Amino acid sequence: MCDCNGHPNPLKKYIQALHCPTRWEIIRFIGKKKRNTKEIHEFMQVKNEGISRSGVYFHLSELKNAGIIEVAEYKEEGGGAPEKIWKLKRTKIEIDLLDNCPCERED
């Protein structure tokens, strides 16, 4: 895993996003369905007592930034901001153990 000479490490985003057990719970809860933020928050309240709504938003944001989940649609409700409906963007992550940084490849 090389970050030298500005070469991005493609695994780094997954490692950062998946190091947290709370995020694994969110992934399992979403599963093959679509879940809105409120449902995810309510589920996490039961699993992880005391997690705030902003805490759930933080974890969702980290998973989204890593490309693991995405907003499937928006749900208009009341006069406030539309609620996000989430789904998994991917169900598998493949790691090529022999895919080295370009500066490490032997020609």
N, C-alpha and C. Protein backbone atom coordinates (compact mmCIF):
# COMPACT_ATOMS: atom_id res chain seq x y z
N MET A 1 0.84 -1.17 0.00
CA MET A 1 0.00 0.00 0.00
C MET A 1 0.88 1.23 0.00
N CYS A 2 0.96 1.84 -1.11
CA CYS A 2 1.90 2.93 -1.29
C CYS A 2 1.17 4.26 -1.46
N ASP A 3 1.63 5.27 -0.78
CA ASP A 3 1.13 6.62 -0.98
C ASP A 3 2.24 7.52 -1.50
N CYS A 4 3.27 6.91 -2.04
CA CYS A 4 4.42 7.69 -2.47
C CYS A 4 4.16 8.44 -3.77
N ASN A 5 4.89 9.48 -3.97
CA ASN A 5 4.84 10.28 -5.20
C ASN A 5 3.43 10.64 -5.63
N GLY A 6 2.53 10.77 -4.69
CA GLY A 6 1.18 11.21 -5.03
C GLY A 6 0.29 10.14 -5.62
N HIS A 7 0.74 8.90 -5.68
CA HIS A 7 -0.11 7.83 -6.18
C HIS A 7 -1.14 7.50 -5.11
N PRO A 8 -2.43 7.62 -5.43
CA PRO A 8 -3.44 7.31 -4.42
C PRO A 8 -3.50 5.82 -4.13
N ASN A 9 -3.76 5.49 -2.91
CA ASN A 9 -3.92 4.10 -2.51
C ASN A 9 -5.40 3.77 -2.60
N PRO A 10 -5.80 2.92 -3.55
CA PRO A 10 -7.22 2.64 -3.74
C PRO A 10 -7.87 1.92 -2.55
N LEU A 11 -7.08 1.24 -1.74
CA LEU A 11 -7.64 0.52 -0.60
C LEU A 11 -7.85 1.41 0.62
N LYS A 12 -7.17 2.53 0.66
CA LYS A 12 -7.19 3.38 1.84
C LYS A 12 -8.61 3.84 2.19
N LYS A 13 -9.39 4.20 1.19
CA LYS A 13 -10.75 4.68 1.46
C LYS A 13 -11.61 3.58 2.08
N TYR A 14 -11.43 2.34 1.64
CA TYR A 14 -12.20 1.23 2.21
C TYR A 14 -11.75 0.92 3.64
N ILE A 15 -10.45 0.92 3.85
CA ILE A 15 -9.92 0.64 5.18
C ILE A 15 -10.42 1.67 6.17
N GLN A 16 -10.38 2.94 5.78
CA GLN A 16 -10.84 4.00 6.68
C GLN A 16 -12.33 3.87 6.95
N ALA A 17 -13.11 3.54 5.93
CA ALA A 17 -14.56 3.48 6.09
C ALA A 17 -15.01 2.24 6.85
N LEU A 18 -14.29 1.14 6.73
CA LEU A 18 -14.75 -0.12 7.29
C LEU A 18 -14.09 -0.51 8.61
N HIS A 19 -13.28 0.36 9.16
CA HIS A 19 -12.62 0.02 10.43
C HIS A 19 -13.57 0.08 11.62
N CYS A 20 -14.74 0.65 11.41
CA CYS A 20 -15.66 0.93 12.51
C CYS A 20 -16.84 -0.07 12.54
N PRO A 21 -17.06 -0.75 13.66
CA PRO A 21 -18.17 -1.71 13.77
C PRO A 21 -19.54 -1.08 13.52
N THR A 22 -19.71 0.19 13.87
CA THR A 22 -20.99 0.88 13.64
C THR A 22 -21.32 0.90 12.15
N ARG A 23 -20.33 1.11 11.33
CA ARG A 23 -20.55 1.17 9.87
C ARG A 23 -20.91 -0.20 9.31
N TRP A 24 -20.34 -1.26 9.90
CA TRP A 24 -20.72 -2.61 9.48
C TRP A 24 -22.18 -2.88 9.83
N GLU A 25 -22.63 -2.39 10.98
CA GLU A 25 -24.03 -2.54 11.37
C GLU A 25 -24.94 -1.82 10.37
N ILE A 26 -24.55 -0.63 9.97
CA ILE A 26 -25.34 0.13 8.99
C ILE A 26 -25.40 -0.62 7.66
N ILE A 27 -24.26 -1.14 7.21
CA ILE A 27 -24.22 -1.89 5.95
C ILE A 27 -25.15 -3.10 6.02
N ARG A 28 -25.07 -3.85 7.11
CA ARG A 28 -25.93 -5.03 7.25
C ARG A 28 -27.41 -4.64 7.32
N PHE A 29 -27.72 -3.53 7.98
CA PHE A 29 -29.11 -3.09 8.08
C PHE A 29 -29.66 -2.68 6.72
N ILE A 30 -28.88 -1.95 5.95
CA ILE A 30 -29.34 -1.55 4.62
C ILE A 30 -29.50 -2.79 3.75
N GLY A 31 -28.50 -3.67 3.78
CA GLY A 31 -28.57 -4.92 3.01
C GLY A 31 -28.96 -4.69 1.56
N LYS A 32 -29.91 -5.45 1.08
CA LYS A 32 -30.34 -5.34 -0.31
C LYS A 32 -31.56 -4.44 -0.46
N LYS A 33 -31.88 -3.73 0.61
CA LYS A 33 -33.04 -2.85 0.61
C LYS A 33 -32.60 -1.40 0.47
N LYS A 34 -33.58 -0.53 0.46
CA LYS A 34 -33.35 0.91 0.56
C LYS A 34 -33.85 1.33 1.93
N ARG A 35 -33.07 2.15 2.61
CA ARG A 35 -33.43 2.59 3.96
C ARG A 35 -33.25 4.10 4.06
N ASN A 36 -34.23 4.76 4.68
CA ASN A 36 -34.05 6.19 4.86
C ASN A 36 -33.24 6.46 6.13
N THR A 37 -32.78 7.69 6.24
CA THR A 37 -31.91 8.06 7.35
C THR A 37 -32.61 7.85 8.69
N LYS A 38 -33.89 8.15 8.75
CA LYS A 38 -34.64 7.98 10.00
C LYS A 38 -34.67 6.51 10.43
N GLU A 39 -34.91 5.60 9.48
CA GLU A 39 -34.92 4.16 9.79
C GLU A 39 -33.55 3.71 10.30
N ILE A 40 -32.50 4.20 9.65
CA ILE A 40 -31.14 3.82 10.05
C ILE A 40 -30.86 4.34 11.46
N HIS A 41 -31.26 5.57 11.73
CA HIS A 41 -31.04 6.14 13.05
C HIS A 41 -31.80 5.35 14.12
N GLU A 42 -33.05 5.01 13.85
CA GLU A 42 -33.84 4.25 14.82
C GLU A 42 -33.23 2.87 15.08
N PHE A 43 -32.76 2.23 14.02
CA PHE A 43 -32.11 0.93 14.17
C PHE A 43 -30.83 1.06 15.01
N MET A 44 -30.06 2.08 14.72
CA MET A 44 -28.81 2.27 15.45
C MET A 44 -29.04 2.68 16.90
N GLN A 45 -30.16 3.30 17.18
CA GLN A 45 -30.50 3.63 18.57
C GLN A 45 -30.66 2.34 19.38
N VAL A 46 -31.23 1.33 18.78
CA VAL A 46 -31.41 0.05 19.45
C VAL A 46 -30.06 -0.67 19.56
N LYS A 47 -29.28 -0.68 18.48
CA LYS A 47 -28.00 -1.40 18.45
C LYS A 47 -26.91 -0.68 19.25
N ASN A 48 -26.91 0.64 19.16
CA ASN A 48 -25.83 1.43 19.75
C ASN A 48 -26.46 2.57 20.54
N GLU A 49 -26.95 2.26 21.70
CA GLU A 49 -27.70 3.22 22.52
C GLU A 49 -26.99 4.57 22.58
N GLY A 50 -27.78 5.60 22.33
CA GLY A 50 -27.27 6.95 22.51
C GLY A 50 -26.62 7.57 21.29
N ILE A 51 -26.52 6.87 20.18
CA ILE A 51 -25.92 7.48 18.99
C ILE A 51 -26.85 8.59 18.50
N SER A 52 -26.29 9.73 18.26
CA SER A 52 -27.08 10.89 17.84
C SER A 52 -27.37 10.80 16.34
N ARG A 53 -28.33 11.60 15.93
CA ARG A 53 -28.64 11.67 14.50
C ARG A 53 -27.43 12.18 13.72
N SER A 54 -26.72 13.15 14.29
CA SER A 54 -25.53 13.66 13.61
C SER A 54 -24.43 12.59 13.55
N GLY A 55 -24.38 11.71 14.57
CA GLY A 55 -23.43 10.60 14.53
C GLY A 55 -23.74 9.64 13.39
N VAL A 56 -25.02 9.36 13.18
CA VAL A 56 -25.44 8.50 12.07
C VAL A 56 -25.09 9.17 10.74
N TYR A 57 -25.36 10.47 10.64
CA TYR A 57 -25.01 11.20 9.41
C TYR A 57 -23.51 11.11 9.13
N PHE A 58 -22.70 11.20 10.17
CA PHE A 58 -21.25 11.10 9.99
C PHE A 58 -20.87 9.75 9.40
N HIS A 59 -21.41 8.67 9.97
CA HIS A 59 -21.08 7.34 9.48
C HIS A 59 -21.59 7.13 8.05
N LEU A 60 -22.78 7.63 7.76
CA LEU A 60 -23.31 7.52 6.40
C LEU A 60 -22.43 8.28 5.42
N SER A 61 -21.97 9.44 5.82
CA SER A 61 -21.10 10.25 4.97
C SER A 61 -19.78 9.53 4.68
N GLU A 62 -19.21 8.90 5.69
CA GLU A 62 -17.96 8.17 5.50
C GLU A 62 -18.15 6.98 4.54
N LEU A 63 -19.25 6.27 4.69
CA LEU A 63 -19.54 5.15 3.79
C LEU A 63 -19.81 5.64 2.38
N LYS A 64 -20.48 6.76 2.26
CA LYS A 64 -20.76 7.33 0.94
C LYS A 64 -19.46 7.78 0.27
N ASN A 65 -18.60 8.47 1.02
CA ASN A 65 -17.33 8.95 0.46
C ASN A 65 -16.43 7.82 0.00
N ALA A 66 -16.57 6.66 0.62
CA ALA A 66 -15.78 5.49 0.23
C ALA A 66 -16.40 4.74 -0.95
N GLY A 67 -17.60 5.16 -1.36
CA GLY A 67 -18.25 4.50 -2.49
C GLY A 67 -18.95 3.20 -2.11
N ILE A 68 -19.28 3.03 -0.84
CA ILE A 68 -19.91 1.80 -0.38
C ILE A 68 -21.43 1.92 -0.40
N ILE A 69 -21.94 3.11 -0.05
CA ILE A 69 -23.38 3.37 -0.13
C ILE A 69 -23.60 4.60 -1.00
N GLU A 70 -24.84 4.80 -1.41
CA GLU A 70 -25.18 5.98 -2.19
C GLU A 70 -26.63 6.36 -1.92
N VAL A 71 -26.96 7.58 -2.27
CA VAL A 71 -28.34 8.04 -2.14
C VAL A 71 -29.10 7.48 -3.34
N ALA A 72 -30.14 6.70 -3.05
CA ALA A 72 -30.95 6.11 -4.11
C ALA A 72 -32.02 7.09 -4.59
N GLU A 73 -32.54 7.85 -3.63
CA GLU A 73 -33.59 8.81 -3.94
C GLU A 73 -33.81 9.72 -2.74
N TYR A 74 -34.67 10.70 -2.93
CA TYR A 74 -35.03 11.61 -1.85
C TYR A 74 -36.53 11.50 -1.60
N LYS A 75 -36.90 11.65 -0.33
CA LYS A 75 -38.31 11.56 0.06
C LYS A 75 -38.72 12.92 0.62
N GLU A 76 -39.67 13.55 -0.07
CA GLU A 76 -40.19 14.84 0.39
C GLU A 76 -41.14 14.60 1.54
N GLU A 77 -40.90 15.29 2.65
CA GLU A 77 -41.76 15.12 3.81
C GLU A 77 -41.84 16.43 4.56
N GLY A 78 -43.04 16.97 4.71
CA GLY A 78 -43.20 18.23 5.43
C GLY A 78 -42.56 19.38 4.67
N GLY A 79 -42.17 20.41 5.39
CA GLY A 79 -41.59 21.58 4.74
C GLY A 79 -40.09 21.63 4.82
N GLY A 80 -39.49 20.65 5.46
CA GLY A 80 -38.03 20.66 5.63
C GLY A 80 -37.29 20.07 4.44
N ALA A 81 -36.04 19.82 4.67
CA ALA A 81 -35.20 19.22 3.64
C ALA A 81 -35.67 17.80 3.34
N PRO A 82 -35.57 17.36 2.10
CA PRO A 82 -35.98 15.99 1.77
C PRO A 82 -35.08 14.97 2.47
N GLU A 83 -35.69 13.85 2.85
CA GLU A 83 -34.95 12.79 3.53
C GLU A 83 -34.25 11.91 2.49
N LYS A 84 -33.02 11.54 2.79
CA LYS A 84 -32.25 10.69 1.89
C LYS A 84 -32.64 9.23 2.10
N ILE A 85 -32.77 8.52 0.98
CA ILE A 85 -33.00 7.08 0.98
C ILE A 85 -31.69 6.45 0.49
N TRP A 86 -31.12 5.59 1.31
CA TRP A 86 -29.81 5.01 1.04
C TRP A 86 -29.92 3.59 0.52
N LYS A 87 -28.92 3.20 -0.27
CA LYS A 87 -28.77 1.82 -0.71
C LYS A 87 -27.29 1.52 -0.84
N LEU A 88 -26.97 0.23 -0.83
CA LEU A 88 -25.58 -0.17 -1.04
C LEU A 88 -25.21 0.09 -2.49
N LYS A 89 -24.06 0.65 -2.69
CA LYS A 89 -23.53 0.88 -4.04
C LYS A 89 -22.80 -0.36 -4.52
N ARG A 90 -22.25 -1.08 -3.57
CA ARG A 90 -21.54 -2.32 -3.89
C ARG A 90 -21.75 -3.32 -2.76
N THR A 91 -21.75 -4.59 -3.10
CA THR A 91 -21.88 -5.63 -2.08
C THR A 91 -20.57 -6.40 -1.92
N LYS A 92 -19.63 -6.15 -2.80
CA LYS A 92 -18.32 -6.81 -2.73
C LYS A 92 -17.22 -5.81 -3.02
N ILE A 93 -16.10 -6.03 -2.37
CA ILE A 93 -14.90 -5.26 -2.66
C ILE A 93 -13.81 -6.26 -2.95
N GLU A 94 -13.24 -6.19 -4.13
CA GLU A 94 -12.19 -7.11 -4.52
C GLU A 94 -10.83 -6.45 -4.32
N ILE A 95 -9.92 -7.19 -3.73
CA ILE A 95 -8.58 -6.68 -3.48
C ILE A 95 -7.59 -7.51 -4.28
N ASP A 96 -6.87 -6.85 -5.15
CA ASP A 96 -5.83 -7.52 -5.92
C ASP A 96 -4.51 -7.35 -5.16
N LEU A 97 -4.06 -8.42 -4.53
CA LEU A 97 -2.86 -8.35 -3.71
C LEU A 97 -1.59 -8.13 -4.51
N LEU A 98 -1.66 -8.32 -5.81
CA LEU A 98 -0.47 -8.14 -6.65
C LEU A 98 -0.50 -6.83 -7.42
N ASP A 99 -1.51 -6.03 -7.24
CA ASP A 99 -1.61 -4.75 -7.93
C ASP A 99 -0.86 -3.71 -7.10
N ASN A 100 0.37 -3.48 -7.46
CA ASN A 100 1.23 -2.55 -6.72
C ASN A 100 1.12 -1.14 -7.26
N CYS A 101 1.63 -0.22 -6.51
CA CYS A 101 1.75 1.16 -6.94
C CYS A 101 2.61 1.18 -8.20
N PRO A 102 2.32 2.09 -9.16
CA PRO A 102 3.11 2.13 -10.40
C PRO A 102 4.62 2.26 -10.16
N CYS A 103 5.00 2.90 -9.08
CA CYS A 103 6.43 3.07 -8.82
C CYS A 103 7.09 1.81 -8.30
N GLU A 104 6.29 0.80 -7.92
CA GLU A 104 6.83 -0.44 -7.39
C GLU A 104 6.83 -1.58 -8.39
N ARG A 105 6.22 -1.36 -9.56
CA ARG A 105 6.11 -2.43 -10.55
C ARG A 105 7.44 -2.75 -11.18
N GLU A 106 7.63 -4.03 -11.41
CA GLU A 106 8.84 -4.47 -12.11
C GLU A 106 8.48 -4.64 -13.57
N ASP A 107 9.19 -3.99 -14.43
CA ASP A 107 8.92 -4.10 -15.89
C ASP A 107 9.70 -5.20 -16.51
